[in-house]
Amino acid sequence: MKTYLFFIVLFVCINGYGQSNGFSASYNRKVSMFKQLPDTRHEIIFLGNSLTAGAEWAELLQNPKVKNRGISGDTTKGILYRLSEVTSSSPDKVFLLIGLNDLATGVAKEKVFENICKIAEQIRKDSPRTKVFIQSMLPVNDPLRESPIKKDDEIVWVNGQVKEWCSQNNFTFIDLYNHFVIPGSQLLNPVHTNDGGHFTGEAYQIWAGIIKDYVKRK
């Protein structure tokens, strides 16, 4: 019995070790992978959650310097935790989109705004030569989602606050929201999604078209 209990405890300890930082196993696996990838010169980093992770950015933008550092389910807290891996290469540019999962899990909109600002400021501090582009949060379409989040007003509020803050602090804000929302509403246009929150390939192509000049800009 003692031997049996020993192996149970050992199994729990081994499996729990990766989650000791409070993040999911899948998050920790992705972060560990990113840490193994070599730093290269003039990187352009795409940083965010599943919306970022879901695209083949280097191919869409026809630029091998583009690196996808999106993690499905990521939050502003998760980005802050792993930011040193992003800035270690002193990338030329970082394109950030984050916040929806925070709101969906009950984080106050004020905290989401605060953390987005912290991320941008930390990148500037750790890698002064890096240009930071903060992309607006995108709309969702709750009627199409399996689990509605009912945060449309909060998304709009955070976007407005971030846009104003960027103009005051010399960061570039990119409005994606208005390219994908149904005009006159706060809903993601269903032509761009098949589940109310994630993008189709065609939607990613539009997104790439919106940001391509920022990617090319010296």
N, C-alpha and C. Protein backbone atom coordinates (compact mmCIF):
# COMPACT_ATOMS: atom_id res chain seq x y z
N MET A 1 0.82 -1.21 0.00
CA MET A 1 0.00 0.00 0.00
C MET A 1 0.86 1.26 0.00
N LYS A 2 1.94 1.24 0.84
CA LYS A 2 2.81 2.42 0.91
C LYS A 2 3.47 2.69 -0.44
N THR A 3 3.88 1.60 -1.11
CA THR A 3 4.50 1.76 -2.43
C THR A 3 3.51 2.35 -3.41
N TYR A 4 2.27 1.87 -3.36
CA TYR A 4 1.21 2.36 -4.24
C TYR A 4 0.97 3.85 -4.01
N LEU A 5 0.89 4.24 -2.75
CA LEU A 5 0.66 5.65 -2.42
C LEU A 5 1.83 6.51 -2.86
N PHE A 6 3.04 5.96 -2.75
CA PHE A 6 4.23 6.71 -3.16
C PHE A 6 4.15 7.06 -4.64
N PHE A 7 3.76 6.09 -5.46
CA PHE A 7 3.71 6.34 -6.90
C PHE A 7 2.56 7.28 -7.26
N ILE A 8 1.48 7.24 -6.52
CA ILE A 8 0.39 8.19 -6.75
C ILE A 8 0.86 9.61 -6.48
N VAL A 9 1.52 9.79 -5.34
CA VAL A 9 2.04 11.11 -4.98
C VAL A 9 3.06 11.59 -6.00
N LEU A 10 3.94 10.68 -6.44
CA LEU A 10 4.95 11.03 -7.43
C LEU A 10 4.30 11.45 -8.73
N PHE A 11 3.27 10.73 -9.15
CA PHE A 11 2.56 11.06 -10.39
C PHE A 11 1.93 12.44 -10.31
N VAL A 12 1.28 12.72 -9.19
CA VAL A 12 0.64 14.02 -8.99
C VAL A 12 1.66 15.14 -9.01
N CYS A 13 2.80 14.91 -8.36
CA CYS A 13 3.85 15.94 -8.30
C CYS A 13 4.42 16.22 -9.68
N ILE A 14 4.68 15.16 -10.43
CA ILE A 14 5.25 15.33 -11.77
C ILE A 14 4.28 16.06 -12.68
N ASN A 15 3.01 15.67 -12.63
CA ASN A 15 2.03 16.28 -13.51
C ASN A 15 1.65 17.68 -13.06
N GLY A 16 1.76 17.95 -11.80
CA GLY A 16 1.43 19.28 -11.31
C GLY A 16 2.54 20.27 -11.44
N TYR A 17 3.77 19.77 -11.65
CA TYR A 17 4.93 20.65 -11.69
C TYR A 17 4.81 21.71 -12.78
N GLY A 18 4.36 21.29 -13.98
CA GLY A 18 4.27 22.21 -15.10
C GLY A 18 3.24 23.29 -14.90
N GLN A 19 2.27 23.04 -14.01
CA GLN A 19 1.21 24.01 -13.78
C GLN A 19 1.43 24.83 -12.51
N SER A 20 2.63 24.74 -11.92
CA SER A 20 2.89 25.44 -10.66
C SER A 20 2.81 26.95 -10.80
N ASN A 21 2.91 27.43 -12.04
CA ASN A 21 2.82 28.88 -12.26
C ASN A 21 1.38 29.35 -12.42
N GLY A 22 0.43 28.44 -12.35
CA GLY A 22 -0.98 28.81 -12.43
C GLY A 22 -1.56 28.79 -13.82
N PHE A 23 -0.75 28.51 -14.84
CA PHE A 23 -1.23 28.47 -16.21
C PHE A 23 -1.47 27.03 -16.65
N SER A 24 -2.21 26.86 -17.73
CA SER A 24 -2.61 25.53 -18.19
C SER A 24 -1.42 24.76 -18.75
N ALA A 25 -1.60 23.44 -18.85
CA ALA A 25 -0.56 22.60 -19.42
C ALA A 25 -0.28 22.97 -20.87
N SER A 26 -1.33 23.27 -21.64
CA SER A 26 -1.14 23.63 -23.04
C SER A 26 -0.38 24.95 -23.17
N TYR A 27 -0.69 25.90 -22.30
CA TYR A 27 0.03 27.18 -22.28
C TYR A 27 1.51 26.93 -22.01
N ASN A 28 1.81 26.14 -20.99
CA ASN A 28 3.20 25.88 -20.63
C ASN A 28 3.95 25.13 -21.71
N ARG A 29 3.26 24.24 -22.42
CA ARG A 29 3.92 23.53 -23.53
C ARG A 29 4.32 24.50 -24.62
N LYS A 30 3.41 25.42 -24.96
CA LYS A 30 3.72 26.39 -26.01
C LYS A 30 4.86 27.31 -25.60
N VAL A 31 4.83 27.78 -24.36
CA VAL A 31 5.90 28.66 -23.89
C VAL A 31 7.24 27.94 -23.93
N SER A 32 7.25 26.67 -23.51
CA SER A 32 8.50 25.91 -23.53
C SER A 32 9.01 25.72 -24.95
N MET A 33 8.09 25.56 -25.91
CA MET A 33 8.49 25.46 -27.31
C MET A 33 9.08 26.77 -27.81
N PHE A 34 8.42 27.88 -27.51
CA PHE A 34 8.92 29.18 -27.95
C PHE A 34 10.33 29.44 -27.43
N LYS A 35 10.60 28.98 -26.21
CA LYS A 35 11.92 29.19 -25.61
C LYS A 35 13.01 28.40 -26.33
N GLN A 36 12.62 27.32 -27.02
CA GLN A 36 13.60 26.51 -27.73
C GLN A 36 13.92 27.06 -29.12
N LEU A 37 13.06 27.92 -29.63
CA LEU A 37 13.26 28.43 -30.98
C LEU A 37 14.36 29.49 -30.99
N PRO A 38 15.20 29.48 -32.01
CA PRO A 38 16.34 30.42 -32.03
C PRO A 38 15.89 31.85 -32.26
N ASP A 39 16.55 32.77 -31.59
CA ASP A 39 16.34 34.19 -31.87
C ASP A 39 17.01 34.53 -33.20
N THR A 40 16.32 35.31 -34.01
CA THR A 40 16.87 35.74 -35.28
C THR A 40 16.80 37.26 -35.37
N ARG A 41 17.50 37.82 -36.31
CA ARG A 41 17.53 39.27 -36.45
C ARG A 41 16.27 39.78 -37.14
N HIS A 42 15.85 40.95 -36.74
CA HIS A 42 14.74 41.67 -37.38
C HIS A 42 13.41 40.91 -37.34
N GLU A 43 13.17 40.23 -36.25
CA GLU A 43 11.91 39.50 -36.11
C GLU A 43 10.72 40.45 -36.03
N ILE A 44 9.60 39.97 -36.54
CA ILE A 44 8.31 40.66 -36.42
C ILE A 44 7.39 39.69 -35.70
N ILE A 45 7.06 40.01 -34.46
CA ILE A 45 6.35 39.07 -33.59
C ILE A 45 4.85 39.37 -33.56
N PHE A 46 4.05 38.33 -33.77
CA PHE A 46 2.60 38.44 -33.57
C PHE A 46 2.28 37.76 -32.25
N LEU A 47 1.70 38.54 -31.35
CA LEU A 47 1.54 38.13 -29.96
C LEU A 47 0.07 38.22 -29.56
N GLY A 48 -0.48 37.12 -29.04
CA GLY A 48 -1.89 37.17 -28.65
C GLY A 48 -2.45 35.81 -28.29
N ASN A 49 -3.76 35.68 -28.47
CA ASN A 49 -4.48 34.46 -28.10
C ASN A 49 -4.78 33.61 -29.33
N SER A 50 -5.89 32.87 -29.30
CA SER A 50 -6.20 31.94 -30.39
C SER A 50 -6.41 32.65 -31.72
N LEU A 51 -6.90 33.88 -31.69
CA LEU A 51 -7.09 34.62 -32.94
C LEU A 51 -5.76 34.84 -33.64
N THR A 52 -4.74 35.15 -32.88
CA THR A 52 -3.40 35.30 -33.44
C THR A 52 -2.81 33.94 -33.80
N ALA A 53 -2.96 32.98 -32.89
CA ALA A 53 -2.37 31.65 -33.10
C ALA A 53 -2.94 30.96 -34.34
N GLY A 54 -4.17 31.32 -34.73
CA GLY A 54 -4.86 30.60 -35.79
C GLY A 54 -4.43 30.92 -37.20
N ALA A 55 -3.54 31.87 -37.39
CA ALA A 55 -3.15 32.27 -38.74
C ALA A 55 -1.72 31.88 -39.07
N GLU A 56 -1.48 31.65 -40.34
CA GLU A 56 -0.12 31.44 -40.84
C GLU A 56 0.39 32.80 -41.31
N TRP A 57 0.83 33.60 -40.35
CA TRP A 57 1.14 35.00 -40.65
C TRP A 57 2.30 35.17 -41.63
N ALA A 58 3.33 34.39 -41.50
CA ALA A 58 4.48 34.54 -42.38
C ALA A 58 4.09 34.33 -43.84
N GLU A 59 3.20 33.39 -44.07
CA GLU A 59 2.75 33.12 -45.43
C GLU A 59 1.73 34.15 -45.90
N LEU A 60 0.81 34.53 -45.03
CA LEU A 60 -0.17 35.54 -45.41
C LEU A 60 0.50 36.86 -45.78
N LEU A 61 1.52 37.21 -45.03
CA LEU A 61 2.21 38.48 -45.25
C LEU A 61 3.44 38.34 -46.13
N GLN A 62 3.72 37.10 -46.56
CA GLN A 62 4.85 36.81 -47.44
C GLN A 62 6.14 37.41 -46.87
N ASN A 63 6.37 37.09 -45.60
CA ASN A 63 7.53 37.65 -44.92
C ASN A 63 8.08 36.61 -43.93
N PRO A 64 9.23 36.02 -44.23
CA PRO A 64 9.79 34.98 -43.35
C PRO A 64 10.26 35.49 -42.00
N LYS A 65 10.34 36.79 -41.83
CA LYS A 65 10.75 37.36 -40.55
C LYS A 65 9.62 37.35 -39.52
N VAL A 66 8.41 37.11 -40.00
CA VAL A 66 7.24 37.11 -39.12
C VAL A 66 7.20 35.82 -38.30
N LYS A 67 7.03 35.97 -36.99
CA LYS A 67 6.96 34.83 -36.08
C LYS A 67 5.64 34.88 -35.31
N ASN A 68 4.95 33.75 -35.27
CA ASN A 68 3.67 33.67 -34.56
C ASN A 68 3.90 33.21 -33.13
N ARG A 69 3.58 34.08 -32.19
CA ARG A 69 3.71 33.75 -30.77
C ARG A 69 2.35 33.82 -30.07
N GLY A 70 1.32 33.44 -30.81
CA GLY A 70 -0.01 33.36 -30.22
C GLY A 70 -0.21 32.05 -29.48
N ILE A 71 -0.96 32.10 -28.40
CA ILE A 71 -1.32 30.90 -27.64
C ILE A 71 -2.82 30.90 -27.41
N SER A 72 -3.47 29.82 -27.79
CA SER A 72 -4.91 29.71 -27.59
C SER A 72 -5.26 29.85 -26.12
N GLY A 73 -6.25 30.69 -25.83
CA GLY A 73 -6.69 30.89 -24.46
C GLY A 73 -5.88 31.90 -23.67
N ASP A 74 -4.90 32.53 -24.31
CA ASP A 74 -4.02 33.42 -23.55
C ASP A 74 -4.75 34.68 -23.10
N THR A 75 -4.19 35.29 -22.07
CA THR A 75 -4.75 36.48 -21.44
C THR A 75 -3.65 37.52 -21.29
N THR A 76 -4.04 38.71 -20.84
CA THR A 76 -3.02 39.73 -20.59
C THR A 76 -2.03 39.27 -19.53
N LYS A 77 -2.51 38.55 -18.53
CA LYS A 77 -1.62 38.02 -17.49
C LYS A 77 -0.63 37.03 -18.09
N GLY A 78 -1.12 36.18 -18.99
CA GLY A 78 -0.24 35.21 -19.64
C GLY A 78 0.82 35.87 -20.49
N ILE A 79 0.43 36.93 -21.21
CA ILE A 79 1.39 37.66 -22.03
C ILE A 79 2.47 38.29 -21.15
N LEU A 80 2.06 38.92 -20.07
CA LEU A 80 3.03 39.54 -19.16
C LEU A 80 4.00 38.51 -18.61
N TYR A 81 3.50 37.33 -18.31
CA TYR A 81 4.34 36.28 -17.73
C TYR A 81 5.42 35.82 -18.70
N ARG A 82 5.09 35.75 -19.99
CA ARG A 82 6.03 35.19 -20.96
C ARG A 82 6.71 36.24 -21.84
N LEU A 83 6.58 37.49 -21.46
CA LEU A 83 7.04 38.57 -22.33
C LEU A 83 8.55 38.58 -22.53
N SER A 84 9.30 38.12 -21.55
CA SER A 84 10.77 38.14 -21.68
C SER A 84 11.24 37.28 -22.85
N GLU A 85 10.51 36.21 -23.15
CA GLU A 85 10.87 35.38 -24.29
C GLU A 85 10.69 36.14 -25.59
N VAL A 86 9.70 37.02 -25.63
CA VAL A 86 9.41 37.81 -26.83
C VAL A 86 10.47 38.89 -27.03
N THR A 87 10.84 39.57 -25.97
CA THR A 87 11.76 40.70 -26.09
C THR A 87 13.22 40.29 -26.14
N SER A 88 13.51 39.03 -25.85
CA SER A 88 14.92 38.59 -25.79
C SER A 88 15.64 38.75 -27.12
N SER A 89 14.89 38.70 -28.22
CA SER A 89 15.50 38.83 -29.55
C SER A 89 15.54 40.27 -30.04
N SER A 90 15.06 41.20 -29.22
CA SER A 90 14.95 42.61 -29.63
C SER A 90 14.29 42.71 -31.00
N PRO A 91 13.05 42.23 -31.12
CA PRO A 91 12.39 42.21 -32.42
C PRO A 91 12.21 43.61 -32.99
N ASP A 92 12.13 43.69 -34.30
CA ASP A 92 11.86 44.98 -34.94
C ASP A 92 10.48 45.49 -34.56
N LYS A 93 9.50 44.57 -34.56
CA LYS A 93 8.11 44.96 -34.31
C LYS A 93 7.38 43.88 -33.52
N VAL A 94 6.41 44.32 -32.75
CA VAL A 94 5.49 43.41 -32.08
C VAL A 94 4.07 43.87 -32.39
N PHE A 95 3.26 42.94 -32.89
CA PHE A 95 1.84 43.20 -33.13
C PHE A 95 1.05 42.46 -32.05
N LEU A 96 0.40 43.22 -31.19
CA LEU A 96 -0.30 42.67 -30.03
C LEU A 96 -1.81 42.73 -30.22
N LEU A 97 -2.48 41.63 -29.89
CA LEU A 97 -3.95 41.61 -29.78
C LEU A 97 -4.30 40.69 -28.62
N ILE A 98 -4.88 41.26 -27.58
CA ILE A 98 -5.16 40.47 -26.38
C ILE A 98 -6.28 41.13 -25.59
N GLY A 99 -6.94 40.35 -24.74
CA GLY A 99 -7.93 40.92 -23.83
C GLY A 99 -9.27 40.21 -23.77
N LEU A 100 -9.67 39.56 -24.86
CA LEU A 100 -11.01 38.97 -24.89
C LEU A 100 -11.17 37.87 -23.85
N ASN A 101 -10.17 37.02 -23.72
CA ASN A 101 -10.28 35.93 -22.74
C ASN A 101 -10.32 36.46 -21.31
N ASP A 102 -9.66 37.58 -21.07
CA ASP A 102 -9.77 38.22 -19.76
C ASP A 102 -11.22 38.59 -19.47
N LEU A 103 -11.83 39.31 -20.40
CA LEU A 103 -13.22 39.74 -20.22
C LEU A 103 -14.14 38.54 -20.07
N ALA A 104 -13.90 37.51 -20.88
CA ALA A 104 -14.76 36.33 -20.86
C ALA A 104 -14.70 35.58 -19.53
N THR A 105 -13.60 35.75 -18.80
CA THR A 105 -13.46 35.06 -17.52
C THR A 105 -13.68 35.99 -16.34
N GLY A 106 -14.25 37.15 -16.60
CA GLY A 106 -14.67 38.03 -15.51
C GLY A 106 -13.69 39.07 -15.05
N VAL A 107 -12.57 39.22 -15.75
CA VAL A 107 -11.62 40.27 -15.39
C VAL A 107 -12.23 41.63 -15.73
N ALA A 108 -12.12 42.57 -14.84
CA ALA A 108 -12.70 43.90 -15.04
C ALA A 108 -12.07 44.59 -16.25
N LYS A 109 -12.90 45.32 -16.98
CA LYS A 109 -12.41 45.99 -18.18
C LYS A 109 -11.28 46.96 -17.86
N GLU A 110 -11.33 47.59 -16.70
CA GLU A 110 -10.27 48.51 -16.30
C GLU A 110 -8.93 47.79 -16.14
N LYS A 111 -8.98 46.57 -15.61
CA LYS A 111 -7.76 45.77 -15.43
C LYS A 111 -7.21 45.32 -16.77
N VAL A 112 -8.10 44.98 -17.69
CA VAL A 112 -7.66 44.58 -19.03
C VAL A 112 -6.93 45.73 -19.70
N PHE A 113 -7.52 46.91 -19.63
CA PHE A 113 -6.88 48.11 -20.19
C PHE A 113 -5.52 48.35 -19.54
N GLU A 114 -5.48 48.27 -18.23
CA GLU A 114 -4.23 48.49 -17.49
C GLU A 114 -3.15 47.51 -17.93
N ASN A 115 -3.52 46.24 -18.08
CA ASN A 115 -2.53 45.23 -18.44
C ASN A 115 -2.04 45.38 -19.87
N ILE A 116 -2.92 45.78 -20.78
CA ILE A 116 -2.48 46.03 -22.16
C ILE A 116 -1.44 47.13 -22.18
N CYS A 117 -1.67 48.18 -21.41
CA CYS A 117 -0.70 49.27 -21.30
C CYS A 117 0.61 48.77 -20.71
N LYS A 118 0.52 47.92 -19.69
CA LYS A 118 1.72 47.36 -19.06
C LYS A 118 2.54 46.55 -20.05
N ILE A 119 1.86 45.77 -20.88
CA ILE A 119 2.56 44.96 -21.88
C ILE A 119 3.35 45.85 -22.83
N ALA A 120 2.69 46.88 -23.35
CA ALA A 120 3.36 47.79 -24.28
C ALA A 120 4.54 48.49 -23.62
N GLU A 121 4.35 48.95 -22.40
CA GLU A 121 5.41 49.65 -21.69
C GLU A 121 6.58 48.72 -21.37
N GLN A 122 6.28 47.46 -21.03
CA GLN A 122 7.34 46.51 -20.71
C GLN A 122 8.17 46.18 -21.95
N ILE A 123 7.51 46.05 -23.09
CA ILE A 123 8.25 45.81 -24.34
C ILE A 123 9.18 46.98 -24.61
N ARG A 124 8.67 48.19 -24.46
CA ARG A 124 9.48 49.39 -24.70
C ARG A 124 10.66 49.45 -23.73
N LYS A 125 10.45 49.07 -22.50
CA LYS A 125 11.52 49.09 -21.49
C LYS A 125 12.59 48.05 -21.79
N ASP A 126 12.15 46.81 -22.09
CA ASP A 126 13.09 45.71 -22.29
C ASP A 126 13.76 45.73 -23.66
N SER A 127 13.07 46.31 -24.65
CA SER A 127 13.60 46.33 -26.01
C SER A 127 13.25 47.68 -26.65
N PRO A 128 14.00 48.72 -26.31
CA PRO A 128 13.65 50.09 -26.74
C PRO A 128 13.54 50.28 -28.24
N ARG A 129 14.24 49.48 -29.02
CA ARG A 129 14.20 49.65 -30.47
C ARG A 129 12.97 49.02 -31.11
N THR A 130 12.23 48.24 -30.36
CA THR A 130 11.06 47.54 -30.90
C THR A 130 9.87 48.48 -31.05
N LYS A 131 9.25 48.45 -32.22
CA LYS A 131 8.03 49.22 -32.45
C LYS A 131 6.83 48.35 -32.08
N VAL A 132 5.95 48.91 -31.27
CA VAL A 132 4.80 48.16 -30.77
C VAL A 132 3.53 48.64 -31.45
N PHE A 133 2.80 47.70 -32.02
CA PHE A 133 1.52 47.98 -32.67
C PHE A 133 0.43 47.26 -31.88
N ILE A 134 -0.47 48.04 -31.30
CA ILE A 134 -1.55 47.45 -30.51
C ILE A 134 -2.81 47.40 -31.37
N GLN A 135 -3.26 46.20 -31.65
CA GLN A 135 -4.45 46.00 -32.46
C GLN A 135 -5.68 45.97 -31.56
N SER A 136 -6.75 46.56 -32.03
CA SER A 136 -7.98 46.57 -31.24
C SER A 136 -8.50 45.16 -31.04
N MET A 137 -9.20 44.95 -29.93
CA MET A 137 -9.94 43.70 -29.78
C MET A 137 -11.01 43.62 -30.86
N LEU A 138 -11.30 42.42 -31.25
CA LEU A 138 -12.28 42.19 -32.31
C LEU A 138 -13.66 41.91 -31.73
N PRO A 139 -14.70 42.20 -32.50
CA PRO A 139 -16.05 41.88 -32.02
C PRO A 139 -16.28 40.38 -32.00
N VAL A 140 -17.27 39.96 -31.25
CA VAL A 140 -17.72 38.57 -31.26
C VAL A 140 -19.19 38.57 -31.66
N ASN A 141 -19.70 37.39 -31.95
CA ASN A 141 -21.11 37.26 -32.30
C ASN A 141 -21.72 36.21 -31.38
N ASP A 142 -22.22 36.68 -30.23
CA ASP A 142 -22.72 35.76 -29.21
C ASP A 142 -23.81 34.81 -29.70
N PRO A 143 -24.75 35.25 -30.56
CA PRO A 143 -25.77 34.30 -31.02
C PRO A 143 -25.20 33.08 -31.74
N LEU A 144 -23.98 33.19 -32.26
CA LEU A 144 -23.35 32.07 -32.95
C LEU A 144 -22.43 31.26 -32.05
N ARG A 145 -22.17 31.74 -30.85
CA ARG A 145 -21.24 31.08 -29.94
C ARG A 145 -21.93 30.03 -29.09
N GLU A 146 -21.22 28.95 -28.78
CA GLU A 146 -21.76 27.94 -27.88
C GLU A 146 -21.89 28.50 -26.47
N SER A 147 -20.94 29.36 -26.09
CA SER A 147 -20.95 29.97 -24.75
C SER A 147 -20.85 31.49 -24.89
N PRO A 148 -21.99 32.18 -24.97
CA PRO A 148 -21.97 33.64 -25.10
C PRO A 148 -21.21 34.29 -23.96
N ILE A 149 -20.46 35.37 -24.28
CA ILE A 149 -19.70 36.04 -23.23
C ILE A 149 -20.33 37.37 -22.80
N LYS A 150 -21.19 37.94 -23.66
CA LYS A 150 -21.94 39.16 -23.32
C LYS A 150 -21.03 40.28 -22.83
N LYS A 151 -20.00 40.56 -23.62
CA LYS A 151 -19.03 41.59 -23.24
C LYS A 151 -18.85 42.64 -24.34
N ASP A 152 -19.87 42.82 -25.18
CA ASP A 152 -19.75 43.72 -26.31
C ASP A 152 -19.41 45.15 -25.88
N ASP A 153 -20.09 45.65 -24.87
CA ASP A 153 -19.84 47.02 -24.40
C ASP A 153 -18.43 47.15 -23.84
N GLU A 154 -17.97 46.13 -23.12
CA GLU A 154 -16.63 46.17 -22.54
C GLU A 154 -15.56 46.17 -23.62
N ILE A 155 -15.77 45.41 -24.68
CA ILE A 155 -14.81 45.39 -25.79
C ILE A 155 -14.68 46.78 -26.39
N VAL A 156 -15.80 47.42 -26.64
CA VAL A 156 -15.80 48.77 -27.21
C VAL A 156 -15.10 49.74 -26.26
N TRP A 157 -15.38 49.61 -24.97
CA TRP A 157 -14.79 50.52 -23.98
C TRP A 157 -13.27 50.37 -23.94
N VAL A 158 -12.79 49.12 -23.87
CA VAL A 158 -11.34 48.90 -23.82
C VAL A 158 -10.67 49.43 -25.08
N ASN A 159 -11.27 49.16 -26.24
CA ASN A 159 -10.70 49.66 -27.48
C ASN A 159 -10.57 51.18 -27.47
N GLY A 160 -11.59 51.86 -26.99
CA GLY A 160 -11.55 53.32 -26.93
C GLY A 160 -10.47 53.83 -26.00
N GLN A 161 -10.34 53.19 -24.85
CA GLN A 161 -9.32 53.60 -23.89
C GLN A 161 -7.91 53.35 -24.43
N VAL A 162 -7.72 52.20 -25.05
CA VAL A 162 -6.40 51.87 -25.59
C VAL A 162 -6.03 52.81 -26.73
N LYS A 163 -6.98 53.12 -27.58
CA LYS A 163 -6.72 54.04 -28.69
C LYS A 163 -6.25 55.39 -28.18
N GLU A 164 -6.94 55.93 -27.19
CA GLU A 164 -6.56 57.22 -26.62
C GLU A 164 -5.20 57.15 -25.95
N TRP A 165 -4.96 56.08 -25.20
CA TRP A 165 -3.69 55.92 -24.50
C TRP A 165 -2.53 55.83 -25.49
N CYS A 166 -2.73 55.11 -26.59
CA CYS A 166 -1.68 54.98 -27.60
C CYS A 166 -1.31 56.34 -28.18
N SER A 167 -2.30 57.16 -28.47
CA SER A 167 -2.03 58.48 -29.05
C SER A 167 -1.27 59.37 -28.08
N GLN A 168 -1.45 59.15 -26.79
CA GLN A 168 -0.78 59.96 -25.78
C GLN A 168 0.61 59.45 -25.43
N ASN A 169 0.91 58.20 -25.79
CA ASN A 169 2.16 57.58 -25.37
C ASN A 169 3.01 57.06 -26.52
N ASN A 170 2.70 57.52 -27.71
CA ASN A 170 3.52 57.22 -28.89
C ASN A 170 3.59 55.73 -29.22
N PHE A 171 2.45 55.06 -29.09
CA PHE A 171 2.29 53.70 -29.60
C PHE A 171 1.31 53.74 -30.76
N THR A 172 1.43 52.80 -31.68
CA THR A 172 0.53 52.75 -32.82
C THR A 172 -0.67 51.86 -32.52
N PHE A 173 -1.87 52.42 -32.67
CA PHE A 173 -3.11 51.67 -32.49
C PHE A 173 -3.67 51.33 -33.86
N ILE A 174 -4.04 50.08 -34.05
CA ILE A 174 -4.62 49.63 -35.32
C ILE A 174 -6.06 49.19 -35.07
N ASP A 175 -6.99 49.86 -35.71
CA ASP A 175 -8.41 49.53 -35.55
C ASP A 175 -8.79 48.38 -36.48
N LEU A 176 -8.91 47.20 -35.91
CA LEU A 176 -9.44 46.05 -36.65
C LEU A 176 -10.94 45.93 -36.48
N TYR A 177 -11.42 46.34 -35.33
CA TYR A 177 -12.82 46.14 -34.92
C TYR A 177 -13.80 46.57 -36.01
N ASN A 178 -13.64 47.78 -36.50
CA ASN A 178 -14.63 48.33 -37.43
C ASN A 178 -14.58 47.70 -38.82
N HIS A 179 -13.55 46.93 -39.09
CA HIS A 179 -13.48 46.21 -40.36
C HIS A 179 -14.30 44.92 -40.33
N PHE A 180 -14.61 44.43 -39.13
CA PHE A 180 -15.24 43.12 -39.02
C PHE A 180 -16.60 43.13 -38.32
N VAL A 181 -17.01 44.26 -37.80
CA VAL A 181 -18.29 44.36 -37.11
C VAL A 181 -19.42 44.59 -38.11
N ILE A 182 -20.61 44.12 -37.80
CA ILE A 182 -21.78 44.46 -38.61
C ILE A 182 -22.05 45.95 -38.41
N PRO A 183 -22.10 46.75 -39.47
CA PRO A 183 -22.32 48.19 -39.30
C PRO A 183 -23.57 48.47 -38.47
N GLY A 184 -23.44 49.39 -37.53
CA GLY A 184 -24.56 49.77 -36.68
C GLY A 184 -24.83 48.82 -35.54
N SER A 185 -23.91 47.87 -35.31
CA SER A 185 -24.09 46.90 -34.23
C SER A 185 -22.77 46.71 -33.50
N GLN A 186 -22.74 45.77 -32.58
CA GLN A 186 -21.50 45.38 -31.90
C GLN A 186 -21.18 43.91 -32.15
N LEU A 187 -21.74 43.36 -33.21
CA LEU A 187 -21.60 41.93 -33.50
C LEU A 187 -20.61 41.68 -34.63
N LEU A 188 -19.79 40.66 -34.45
CA LEU A 188 -18.91 40.20 -35.51
C LEU A 188 -19.76 39.75 -36.70
N ASN A 189 -19.42 40.25 -37.87
CA ASN A 189 -20.16 39.88 -39.08
C ASN A 189 -20.01 38.37 -39.31
N PRO A 190 -21.11 37.65 -39.43
CA PRO A 190 -21.03 36.18 -39.57
C PRO A 190 -20.31 35.70 -40.81
N VAL A 191 -20.09 36.58 -41.79
CA VAL A 191 -19.34 36.14 -42.97
C VAL A 191 -17.87 35.88 -42.63
N HIS A 192 -17.43 36.37 -41.47
CA HIS A 192 -16.02 36.23 -41.10
C HIS A 192 -15.76 35.10 -40.10
N THR A 193 -16.80 34.37 -39.71
CA THR A 193 -16.62 33.38 -38.65
C THR A 193 -17.56 32.19 -38.85
N ASN A 194 -17.20 31.05 -38.29
CA ASN A 194 -18.12 29.91 -38.30
C ASN A 194 -18.50 29.48 -36.89
N ASP A 195 -18.03 30.24 -35.89
CA ASP A 195 -18.40 29.90 -34.51
C ASP A 195 -18.69 31.12 -33.64
N GLY A 196 -18.68 32.29 -34.24
CA GLY A 196 -19.00 33.51 -33.50
C GLY A 196 -17.82 34.21 -32.88
N GLY A 197 -16.64 33.59 -32.94
CA GLY A 197 -15.49 34.21 -32.31
C GLY A 197 -14.19 34.07 -33.07
N HIS A 198 -14.01 32.92 -33.74
CA HIS A 198 -12.77 32.68 -34.47
C HIS A 198 -12.96 32.97 -35.95
N PHE A 199 -11.85 33.26 -36.61
CA PHE A 199 -11.90 33.74 -37.99
C PHE A 199 -11.76 32.63 -39.02
N THR A 200 -12.37 32.86 -40.17
CA THR A 200 -12.17 32.01 -41.34
C THR A 200 -10.89 32.45 -42.04
N GLY A 201 -10.45 31.64 -42.99
CA GLY A 201 -9.26 32.00 -43.76
C GLY A 201 -9.44 33.30 -44.51
N GLU A 202 -10.65 33.52 -45.04
CA GLU A 202 -10.91 34.76 -45.77
C GLU A 202 -10.81 35.97 -44.86
N ALA A 203 -11.27 35.83 -43.62
CA ALA A 203 -11.18 36.94 -42.67
C ALA A 203 -9.73 37.24 -42.33
N TYR A 204 -8.92 36.21 -42.18
CA TYR A 204 -7.49 36.44 -41.93
C TYR A 204 -6.83 37.16 -43.11
N GLN A 205 -7.29 36.85 -44.30
CA GLN A 205 -6.73 37.52 -45.47
C GLN A 205 -7.05 39.02 -45.43
N ILE A 206 -8.26 39.36 -45.00
CA ILE A 206 -8.63 40.77 -44.84
C ILE A 206 -7.77 41.42 -43.76
N TRP A 207 -7.62 40.73 -42.65
CA TRP A 207 -6.80 41.22 -41.54
C TRP A 207 -5.38 41.51 -42.02
N ALA A 208 -4.80 40.56 -42.75
CA ALA A 208 -3.45 40.75 -43.26
C ALA A 208 -3.37 41.97 -44.16
N GLY A 209 -4.42 42.20 -44.95
CA GLY A 209 -4.44 43.36 -45.82
C GLY A 209 -4.47 44.67 -45.05
N ILE A 210 -5.12 44.67 -43.90
CA ILE A 210 -5.21 45.87 -43.07
C ILE A 210 -3.85 46.24 -42.49
N ILE A 211 -3.07 45.25 -42.10
CA ILE A 211 -1.83 45.52 -41.38
C ILE A 211 -0.57 45.44 -42.24
N LYS A 212 -0.70 45.06 -43.49
CA LYS A 212 0.50 44.79 -44.29
C LYS A 212 1.42 45.99 -44.41
N ASP A 213 0.85 47.19 -44.51
CA ASP A 213 1.71 48.38 -44.62
C ASP A 213 2.47 48.65 -43.32
N TYR A 214 1.84 48.31 -42.19
CA TYR A 214 2.55 48.46 -40.91
C TYR A 214 3.69 47.46 -40.80
N VAL A 215 3.48 46.28 -41.35
CA VAL A 215 4.52 45.25 -41.33
C VAL A 215 5.70 45.67 -42.20
N LYS A 216 5.42 46.28 -43.34
CA LYS A 216 6.47 46.68 -44.28
C LYS A 216 7.18 47.95 -43.84
N ARG A 217 6.51 48.77 -43.06
CA ARG A 217 7.06 50.07 -42.68
C ARG A 217 8.40 49.92 -41.97
N LYS A 218 9.35 50.76 -42.35
CA LYS A 218 10.68 50.76 -41.71
C LYS A 218 10.62 51.42 -40.35
